[in-house]
N, C-alpha and C. Protein backbone atom coordinates (compact mmCIF):
# COMPACT_ATOMS: atom_id res chain seq x y z
N MET A 1 -3.43 12.70 17.28
CA MET A 1 -3.14 13.98 17.58
C MET A 1 -2.08 13.61 15.83
N ASN A 2 -2.57 14.26 15.09
CA ASN A 2 -1.79 14.19 13.45
C ASN A 2 -0.83 15.31 13.07
N LEU A 3 0.35 14.67 12.87
CA LEU A 3 1.11 16.55 12.99
C LEU A 3 1.05 16.39 11.36
N ILE A 4 0.52 15.78 10.47
CA ILE A 4 -0.20 16.13 8.94
C ILE A 4 -1.06 15.41 8.50
N SER A 5 -1.95 15.91 8.15
CA SER A 5 -3.27 16.13 7.80
C SER A 5 -3.19 15.54 6.44
N ASP A 6 -4.68 14.51 6.51
CA ASP A 6 -4.72 14.36 4.56
C ASP A 6 -4.80 15.05 4.00
N GLU A 7 -5.13 16.48 4.41
CA GLU A 7 -5.32 17.60 3.33
C GLU A 7 -4.20 17.73 3.49
N ILE A 8 -3.11 18.61 3.83
CA ILE A 8 -1.59 18.58 3.58
C ILE A 8 -1.13 17.53 2.57
N TYR A 9 -1.79 16.13 2.73
CA TYR A 9 -0.53 15.37 0.97
C TYR A 9 -1.35 15.66 0.34
N ARG A 10 -3.13 15.57 -0.18
CA ARG A 10 -3.77 16.19 -1.16
C ARG A 10 -2.88 17.23 -1.29
N GLN A 11 -2.89 18.21 -1.00
CA GLN A 11 -2.66 19.94 -1.24
C GLN A 11 -1.20 19.55 -1.94
N LEU A 12 -0.71 19.01 -0.82
CA LEU A 12 0.75 18.74 -1.89
C LEU A 12 0.75 17.90 -3.11
N VAL A 13 -0.06 16.96 -3.23
CA VAL A 13 -0.12 16.29 -4.58
C VAL A 13 -0.60 16.89 -5.76
N LYS A 14 -1.61 18.24 -5.36
CA LYS A 14 -2.11 19.18 -6.52
C LYS A 14 -1.31 20.31 -6.81
N ASP A 15 -0.91 21.14 -5.34
CA ASP A 15 -0.03 22.32 -5.45
C ASP A 15 0.94 21.78 -6.97
N SER A 16 1.24 20.75 -6.13
CA SER A 16 3.07 20.46 -6.51
C SER A 16 3.47 19.82 -7.59
N GLY A 17 2.26 18.96 -7.62
CA GLY A 17 2.39 17.68 -9.50
C GLY A 17 3.02 16.64 -9.28
N LEU A 18 3.56 16.77 -7.29
CA LEU A 18 3.90 15.23 -7.28
C LEU A 18 3.41 14.06 -7.56
N ASN A 19 2.19 13.75 -8.00
CA ASN A 19 2.35 12.49 -9.06
C ASN A 19 2.82 12.04 -10.08
N THR A 20 2.18 13.88 -10.84
CA THR A 20 2.76 14.04 -12.10
C THR A 20 4.42 14.23 -12.09
N SER A 21 5.48 14.34 -11.15
CA SER A 21 7.16 14.03 -10.49
C SER A 21 7.02 12.63 -10.79
N LEU A 22 6.16 12.26 -10.17
CA LEU A 22 6.82 10.99 -9.54
C LEU A 22 6.71 9.98 -10.84
N LYS A 23 5.55 9.83 -11.47
CA LYS A 23 4.88 9.12 -12.95
C LYS A 23 6.27 9.61 -13.66
N GLN A 24 6.86 10.76 -14.42
CA GLN A 24 7.96 11.25 -14.58
C GLN A 24 9.29 10.66 -14.72
N LEU A 25 9.06 10.94 -12.93
CA LEU A 25 10.56 10.39 -12.59
C LEU A 25 10.87 8.70 -13.38
N PHE A 26 9.71 7.52 -13.26
CA PHE A 26 9.63 6.94 -13.48
C PHE A 26 9.39 6.33 -15.43
N SER A 27 9.91 7.40 -15.93
CA SER A 27 9.12 7.08 -17.84
C SER A 27 10.61 7.76 -18.00
N HIS A 28 10.97 7.36 -19.69
CA HIS A 28 12.08 7.83 -19.93
C HIS A 28 11.92 8.68 -19.98
N PHE A 29 13.44 9.67 -19.93
CA PHE A 29 13.71 11.03 -20.23
C PHE A 29 15.30 11.25 -20.19
N ASP A 30 16.05 12.06 -21.85
CA ASP A 30 17.15 12.06 -21.90
C ASP A 30 18.01 13.12 -22.12
N THR A 31 17.41 13.83 -21.86
CA THR A 31 17.68 15.59 -21.92
C THR A 31 18.13 15.88 -20.28
N VAL A 32 19.10 16.97 -20.69
CA VAL A 32 19.91 18.06 -19.60
C VAL A 32 18.52 18.62 -19.03
N SER A 33 17.58 19.18 -19.62
CA SER A 33 15.73 19.76 -19.45
C SER A 33 14.96 18.99 -18.76
N ASP A 34 15.33 17.87 -19.56
CA ASP A 34 14.11 16.81 -18.39
C ASP A 34 14.81 16.96 -17.27
N TYR A 35 16.01 15.85 -16.14
CA TYR A 35 16.65 16.48 -15.71
C TYR A 35 15.86 17.41 -14.75
N GLU A 36 16.27 18.70 -15.19
CA GLU A 36 17.11 20.31 -14.59
C GLU A 36 15.30 20.22 -14.05
N LEU A 37 14.32 19.77 -15.34
CA LEU A 37 12.55 20.23 -14.61
C LEU A 37 12.08 19.21 -13.61
N LEU A 38 12.58 18.37 -14.00
CA LEU A 38 11.95 17.19 -12.27
C LEU A 38 12.78 17.61 -11.46
N GLN A 39 13.94 18.20 -11.50
CA GLN A 39 15.11 18.29 -10.18
C GLN A 39 13.72 19.94 -9.70
N GLU A 40 13.47 20.92 -10.38
CA GLU A 40 12.64 22.08 -10.06
C GLU A 40 11.21 21.63 -9.48
N GLN A 41 10.78 20.61 -10.53
CA GLN A 41 9.71 19.72 -9.70
C GLN A 41 9.37 19.47 -8.58
N PHE A 42 10.62 18.32 -8.06
CA PHE A 42 10.97 17.48 -6.99
C PHE A 42 10.99 18.62 -5.61
N THR A 43 12.03 19.74 -5.90
CA THR A 43 12.21 21.01 -5.08
C THR A 43 11.08 21.77 -5.00
N GLN A 44 10.31 22.45 -5.45
CA GLN A 44 8.66 22.68 -5.23
C GLN A 44 8.05 22.09 -4.22
N ALA A 45 7.88 20.76 -4.25
CA ALA A 45 7.42 19.66 -3.85
C ALA A 45 7.70 19.33 -2.17
N ARG A 46 9.64 19.52 -2.01
CA ARG A 46 10.16 19.51 -0.92
C ARG A 46 9.49 20.93 -0.32
N ALA A 47 9.85 21.77 -0.41
CA ALA A 47 9.25 23.36 -0.48
C ALA A 47 8.53 23.58 0.00
N TYR A 48 7.56 22.81 -0.60
CA TYR A 48 5.88 23.26 0.25
C TYR A 48 5.58 21.92 1.28
N PHE A 49 6.16 20.92 1.31
CA PHE A 49 6.22 20.24 2.52
C PHE A 49 7.01 20.69 3.60
N MET A 50 8.07 20.97 3.29
CA MET A 50 9.01 21.74 4.18
C MET A 50 8.20 22.85 5.24
N ALA A 51 7.84 23.91 4.47
CA ALA A 51 6.53 24.70 5.03
C ALA A 51 5.77 24.27 6.39
N GLN A 52 5.10 23.34 5.68
CA GLN A 52 4.15 22.87 6.32
C GLN A 52 4.90 22.49 7.97
N GLN A 53 5.78 22.29 7.94
CA GLN A 53 6.87 21.99 9.01
C GLN A 53 6.58 22.52 10.30
N ASP A 54 6.63 24.15 9.80
CA ASP A 54 6.19 25.59 11.27
C ASP A 54 4.70 24.77 11.67
N ASN A 55 3.83 24.72 11.08
CA ASN A 55 2.49 24.33 11.05
C ASN A 55 2.15 23.78 12.53
N MET A 56 3.41 22.07 11.53
CA MET A 56 3.57 20.79 12.51
C MET A 56 3.75 21.54 14.09
N VAL A 57 5.20 21.97 14.22
CA VAL A 57 6.15 22.26 15.23
C VAL A 57 4.97 22.98 16.39
N GLN A 58 4.69 24.10 15.53
CA GLN A 58 3.65 24.81 16.32
C GLN A 58 2.12 24.38 16.52
N SER A 59 1.63 23.15 16.19
CA SER A 59 0.85 22.29 16.69
C SER A 59 1.26 21.15 18.27
N VAL A 60 2.22 20.83 17.99
CA VAL A 60 3.31 20.59 19.07
C VAL A 60 3.41 21.53 20.21
N ARG A 61 3.69 22.11 20.18
CA ARG A 61 4.09 23.14 20.34
C ARG A 61 2.69 23.54 22.05
N GLN A 62 1.49 23.34 21.37
CA GLN A 62 0.08 23.90 21.86
C GLN A 62 -0.60 22.64 22.54
N GLU A 63 -0.15 21.54 22.08
CA GLU A 63 -0.88 20.16 22.34
C GLU A 63 -0.11 19.79 23.72
N LEU A 64 0.77 19.55 23.14
CA LEU A 64 2.11 19.17 24.44
C LEU A 64 3.32 20.25 25.32
N SER A 65 1.80 21.41 25.38
CA SER A 65 2.92 22.78 26.08
C SER A 65 3.09 22.30 28.00
N PRO A 66 2.26 22.06 28.24
CA PRO A 66 2.50 21.43 29.78
C PRO A 66 3.51 20.60 30.13
N LEU A 67 3.78 19.56 28.61
CA LEU A 67 5.38 19.20 29.17
C LEU A 67 6.03 19.86 29.12
N ALA A 68 7.64 19.38 29.40
CA ALA A 68 9.04 19.42 28.94
C ALA A 68 9.66 19.68 28.11
N VAL A 69 8.89 19.06 26.88
CA VAL A 69 9.73 18.96 25.58
C VAL A 69 8.53 19.51 24.71
N TYR A 70 9.92 20.39 23.78
CA TYR A 70 9.57 20.89 22.69
C TYR A 70 10.01 20.39 21.10
N MET A 71 9.09 20.19 19.77
CA MET A 71 9.94 19.79 18.81
C MET A 71 10.20 21.03 17.98
N ILE A 72 11.16 21.37 17.43
CA ILE A 72 11.87 22.37 16.41
C ILE A 72 11.75 21.72 14.87
N LYS A 73 11.75 22.87 13.93
CA LYS A 73 12.53 22.70 11.96
C LYS A 73 13.68 22.86 12.48
N ASP A 74 15.18 21.41 12.47
CA ASP A 74 15.83 21.52 12.77
C ASP A 74 16.56 22.86 11.20
N LYS A 75 17.60 22.98 11.33
CA LYS A 75 18.02 23.63 10.32
C LYS A 75 18.37 22.71 9.00
N ALA A 76 18.47 22.88 8.04
CA ALA A 76 18.34 22.27 7.21
C ALA A 76 19.58 22.18 7.33
N SER A 77 20.02 20.67 6.62
CA SER A 77 20.59 19.56 5.83
C SER A 77 21.44 19.84 5.33
N SER A 78 23.04 19.76 5.35
CA SER A 78 23.53 19.75 3.63
C SER A 78 22.62 19.71 1.88
N SER A 79 21.82 18.64 2.16
CA SER A 79 20.93 18.23 1.62
C SER A 79 19.92 19.24 1.30
N GLY A 80 19.55 19.97 2.25
CA GLY A 80 18.58 21.22 1.78
C GLY A 80 17.72 20.62 2.77
N GLY A 81 17.62 19.61 3.46
CA GLY A 81 15.63 19.71 3.85
C GLY A 81 16.38 19.76 4.97
N THR A 82 14.96 20.01 5.76
CA THR A 82 14.44 20.63 7.45
C THR A 82 14.04 19.05 7.80
N PHE A 83 14.60 19.16 9.28
CA PHE A 83 13.97 17.65 9.97
C PHE A 83 13.19 18.14 11.22
N LEU A 84 12.28 17.57 11.46
CA LEU A 84 11.72 18.14 12.80
C LEU A 84 12.56 16.85 14.01
N ARG A 85 12.83 17.51 14.83
CA ARG A 85 13.13 17.48 16.35
C ARG A 85 12.85 17.21 17.77
N TRP A 86 12.84 16.68 18.44
CA TRP A 86 12.89 16.75 19.84
C TRP A 86 13.70 17.58 20.82
N ARG A 87 13.02 18.27 21.40
CA ARG A 87 13.83 18.95 22.88
C ARG A 87 13.23 18.97 23.80
N SER A 88 14.15 18.69 25.07
CA SER A 88 13.39 19.14 26.44
C SER A 88 14.19 20.31 26.94
N MET A 89 12.98 20.79 27.84
CA MET A 89 13.64 21.96 28.32
C MET A 89 14.07 22.17 29.82
N GLN A 90 14.22 21.41 30.50
CA GLN A 90 15.04 20.76 31.31
C GLN A 90 17.06 20.11 31.09
N ASN A 91 17.11 19.82 29.98
CA ASN A 91 18.33 19.79 29.51
C ASN A 91 18.63 19.65 28.04
N ALA A 92 19.68 18.73 28.18
CA ALA A 92 20.40 19.19 26.87
C ALA A 92 19.55 17.52 26.09
N ARG A 93 18.62 16.93 26.55
CA ARG A 93 18.30 15.72 26.53
C ARG A 93 17.50 15.90 24.40
N THR A 94 18.08 14.87 23.76
CA THR A 94 17.04 15.23 22.74
C THR A 94 16.42 13.99 21.95
N GLY A 95 15.95 14.04 20.88
CA GLY A 95 15.27 11.98 20.42
C GLY A 95 14.46 11.72 21.54
N GLY A 96 14.67 9.89 21.52
CA GLY A 96 14.40 9.09 22.31
C GLY A 96 14.60 9.90 23.41
N THR A 97 15.45 10.12 23.90
CA THR A 97 15.47 10.39 25.52
C THR A 97 14.39 11.53 25.88
N VAL A 98 13.80 12.09 24.88
CA VAL A 98 12.77 13.25 25.57
C VAL A 98 11.92 12.70 25.66
N TRP A 99 10.90 11.98 24.64
CA TRP A 99 9.88 10.66 24.23
C TRP A 99 9.56 10.16 25.11
N GLN A 100 10.48 9.52 25.62
CA GLN A 100 10.76 7.74 25.83
C GLN A 100 9.92 8.12 27.11
N PRO A 101 10.81 9.01 28.29
CA PRO A 101 10.17 8.93 29.57
C PRO A 101 8.94 9.25 29.70
N ILE A 102 8.34 10.16 28.98
CA ILE A 102 7.17 10.74 28.67
C ILE A 102 6.19 9.57 28.90
N VAL A 103 6.13 8.85 27.77
CA VAL A 103 5.89 7.12 27.92
C VAL A 103 5.46 6.41 28.72
N ASP A 104 6.51 6.49 29.19
CA ASP A 104 6.70 5.48 30.23
C ASP A 104 6.16 5.72 31.72
N ASP A 105 5.84 6.92 31.76
CA ASP A 105 5.84 7.86 33.00
C ASP A 105 3.94 7.61 33.19
N GLU A 106 3.86 6.55 33.96
CA GLU A 106 2.34 6.09 34.40
C GLU A 106 1.46 7.75 35.02
N ALA A 107 2.13 8.13 35.41
CA ALA A 107 2.01 8.81 35.67
C ALA A 107 1.17 10.42 35.09
N VAL A 108 1.15 10.72 34.20
CA VAL A 108 1.32 11.43 32.68
C VAL A 108 -0.22 10.20 32.27
N PRO A 109 -0.91 11.27 31.75
CA PRO A 109 -2.06 11.35 31.28
C PRO A 109 -2.26 10.17 30.41
N VAL A 110 -2.74 9.06 30.19
CA VAL A 110 -2.69 8.63 29.17
C VAL A 110 -2.82 9.03 27.64
N ASP A 111 -4.01 10.17 27.38
CA ASP A 111 -4.07 10.11 26.34
C ASP A 111 -3.22 11.75 26.22
N VAL A 112 -2.23 11.90 26.86
CA VAL A 112 -1.15 12.78 26.85
C VAL A 112 -0.02 11.65 26.08
N ARG A 113 0.14 10.78 26.82
CA ARG A 113 0.96 9.29 26.50
C ARG A 113 0.87 9.42 24.87
N GLN A 114 -0.37 8.75 24.74
CA GLN A 114 -0.70 8.92 23.42
C GLN A 114 -0.37 9.58 22.07
N LYS A 115 -0.71 10.96 22.29
CA LYS A 115 -0.81 12.20 21.86
C LYS A 115 1.49 11.50 21.04
N VAL A 116 1.78 11.87 22.30
CA VAL A 116 3.28 11.93 22.20
C VAL A 116 3.97 10.68 21.39
N VAL A 117 3.48 9.77 21.63
CA VAL A 117 3.61 8.44 20.97
C VAL A 117 2.64 8.76 18.88
N ALA A 118 1.38 9.18 19.23
CA ALA A 118 1.59 10.20 17.84
C ALA A 118 2.41 10.93 17.05
N VAL A 119 2.84 11.81 17.60
CA VAL A 119 3.57 12.34 17.47
C VAL A 119 4.79 12.25 16.83
N GLU A 120 5.92 10.98 17.72
CA GLU A 120 6.80 11.26 17.06
C GLU A 120 6.73 9.55 15.94
N LYS A 121 5.67 8.98 15.89
CA LYS A 121 5.10 7.76 14.54
C LYS A 121 5.12 9.03 13.24
N ASP A 122 4.18 10.19 13.49
CA ASP A 122 4.43 11.36 12.30
C ASP A 122 5.40 11.87 12.02
N ARG A 123 6.19 12.14 13.03
CA ARG A 123 7.58 12.72 12.99
C ARG A 123 8.90 11.79 11.99
N ILE A 124 8.90 10.28 12.56
CA ILE A 124 9.14 9.36 11.74
C ILE A 124 9.11 9.36 10.58
N LEU A 125 7.95 9.06 10.15
CA LEU A 125 7.06 9.19 8.37
C LEU A 125 7.80 10.29 7.78
N ILE A 126 7.75 11.38 8.48
CA ILE A 126 7.69 13.21 7.51
C ILE A 126 8.86 13.53 7.36
N ASN A 127 10.03 12.58 8.13
CA ASN A 127 11.13 13.00 7.95
C ASN A 127 12.47 11.79 7.01
N MET A 128 11.22 10.39 7.26
CA MET A 128 11.63 9.72 6.23
C MET A 128 11.12 9.83 4.71
N GLN A 129 9.93 11.00 5.01
CA GLN A 129 9.48 11.66 3.63
C GLN A 129 10.53 13.09 3.14
N ILE A 130 10.95 13.57 3.94
CA ILE A 130 12.01 14.44 3.43
C ILE A 130 13.46 13.96 2.93
N SER A 131 13.56 12.86 3.57
CA SER A 131 15.21 12.25 2.92
C SER A 131 14.37 11.66 1.93
N VAL A 132 13.27 10.95 1.33
CA VAL A 132 13.12 10.43 0.40
C VAL A 132 13.34 11.77 -1.19
N PHE A 133 12.70 12.53 -0.37
CA PHE A 133 12.97 13.84 -1.46
C PHE A 133 14.50 14.43 -1.28
N ASN A 134 14.94 13.96 -0.43
CA ASN A 134 16.85 14.70 -0.67
C ASN A 134 17.25 13.50 -1.77
N HIS A 135 17.08 12.46 -1.25
CA HIS A 135 18.02 11.59 -2.13
C HIS A 135 17.42 11.14 -3.38
N ILE A 136 15.72 11.81 -3.96
CA ILE A 136 15.53 12.54 -5.59
C ILE A 136 16.43 13.04 -5.76
N LEU A 137 16.31 14.58 -5.38
CA LEU A 137 16.44 15.65 -5.54
C LEU A 137 18.66 15.39 -6.01
N ARG A 138 19.08 14.60 -4.96
CA ARG A 138 20.92 14.44 -5.01
C ARG A 138 21.02 13.39 -6.32
N GLN A 139 19.69 12.80 -6.96
CA GLN A 139 19.84 11.92 -8.15
C GLN A 139 19.95 12.72 -8.46
N LEU A 140 19.37 13.72 -9.00
CA LEU A 140 19.10 14.03 -10.06
C LEU A 140 19.98 15.03 -9.85
N VAL A 141 20.18 15.68 -9.47
CA VAL A 141 21.27 16.17 -9.28
C VAL A 141 22.91 15.88 -10.53
N ASP A 142 22.92 14.45 -9.50
CA ASP A 142 24.65 13.82 -10.49
C ASP A 142 23.82 13.19 -11.58
N CYS A 143 22.41 12.75 -11.79
CA CYS A 143 22.65 12.55 -12.95
C CYS A 143 22.76 13.57 -14.09
N THR A 144 22.89 15.08 -13.50
CA THR A 144 21.68 16.00 -15.11
C THR A 144 23.79 15.93 -14.93
N GLU A 145 24.58 16.38 -14.45
CA GLU A 145 25.81 16.57 -14.53
C GLU A 145 26.54 15.00 -15.46
N LYS A 146 26.32 14.26 -15.04
CA LYS A 146 26.61 13.02 -15.60
C LYS A 146 26.21 12.90 -17.49
N LEU A 147 24.67 13.85 -17.16
CA LEU A 147 24.49 13.49 -19.05
C LEU A 147 24.93 14.81 -19.47
N LYS A 148 25.22 15.83 -18.96
CA LYS A 148 26.18 16.96 -19.35
C LYS A 148 27.78 16.39 -20.00
N GLU A 149 28.00 15.77 -19.21
CA GLU A 149 29.54 15.05 -19.47
C GLU A 149 29.44 14.43 -20.63
N VAL A 150 28.29 13.38 -20.62
CA VAL A 150 28.00 12.46 -22.17
C VAL A 150 27.21 12.75 -23.27
N ASP A 151 26.76 14.27 -22.98
CA ASP A 151 26.43 15.07 -24.41
C ASP A 151 27.39 16.00 -24.44
N ASN A 152 28.80 16.45 -23.76
CA ASN A 152 29.88 17.20 -24.43
C ASN A 152 30.76 16.36 -25.18
N ALA A 153 31.26 14.94 -24.57
CA ALA A 153 32.37 14.43 -25.42
C ALA A 153 31.46 13.66 -26.76
N VAL A 154 29.98 13.74 -26.70
CA VAL A 154 28.96 13.34 -27.88
C VAL A 154 29.18 14.14 -29.27
N ALA A 155 29.01 15.36 -28.44
CA ALA A 155 29.39 16.96 -29.01
C ALA A 155 30.38 17.17 -29.65
N LYS A 156 31.82 16.64 -28.89
CA LYS A 156 33.33 16.61 -29.28
C LYS A 156 33.17 15.69 -30.36
N SER A 157 32.67 13.87 -30.17
CA SER A 157 33.11 13.43 -31.04
C SER A 157 32.37 13.23 -32.89
N GLY A 158 31.15 14.45 -32.39
CA GLY A 158 30.92 14.18 -34.20
C GLY A 158 29.80 13.18 -33.81
N LEU A 159 29.64 12.89 -32.87
CA LEU A 159 27.87 12.24 -33.46
C LEU A 159 26.83 12.41 -33.30
N TYR A 160 26.64 14.06 -32.79
CA TYR A 160 25.40 14.68 -33.08
C TYR A 160 24.88 14.65 -34.67
N PRO A 161 23.67 14.53 -35.08
CA PRO A 161 23.02 13.95 -34.31
C PRO A 161 22.52 12.58 -33.76
N LEU A 162 21.64 11.86 -33.11
CA LEU A 162 21.92 10.53 -33.29
C LEU A 162 20.66 10.36 -34.08
N LYS A 163 20.74 9.30 -34.47
CA LYS A 163 19.39 9.26 -35.77
C LYS A 163 18.42 8.06 -35.00
N ASN A 164 19.47 6.78 -34.18
CA ASN A 164 19.11 6.13 -33.66
C ASN A 164 19.38 5.94 -32.24
N PRO A 165 18.67 6.82 -31.25
CA PRO A 165 19.25 6.70 -29.91
C PRO A 165 18.74 5.23 -29.20
N VAL A 166 20.62 5.14 -28.66
CA VAL A 166 20.14 3.74 -27.78
C VAL A 166 19.01 3.27 -27.12
N CYS A 167 19.38 4.56 -26.30
CA CYS A 167 18.22 4.76 -24.91
C CYS A 167 16.45 4.46 -25.16
N ASN A 168 16.57 4.81 -26.51
CA ASN A 168 14.60 5.19 -26.22
C ASN A 168 14.51 3.65 -26.66
N PRO A 169 13.13 3.63 -26.08
CA PRO A 169 12.58 1.98 -26.05
C PRO A 169 11.95 2.06 -27.82
């Protein structure tokens, strides 16, 4: 059982322009509008990816419905990202304390235990990918603010327009 299909990744790249955004991220850019455009592109890519989480949660609920566990799409973190979390219907357990006993229980059919393992591996991957989006976005916001400070300082000092920007390769 895969939470996220290759097709979802293909659509993410196609619909959000993620490859282009990554190439742009690792190229030279030095204007506030460059940073803001890149921030918008990564925000859209993250939003597309997070929208897919609803389908992932439903898939887990359908596939593992006989078990007393379920998956949720957690509320947005302070960074704006949402993460997939395990929950137990029997008690307040979360995370590994939810899925690990199922995997260890030899009374649970092997195929069900294998599905739980596959879901957990995908959940880890998906949450890491959301974290990467969050980190990139946080850096873009911080760098945009710093660049605005630089632009303001340069404008006040009368250095504009720069004829030979120091940063250009």
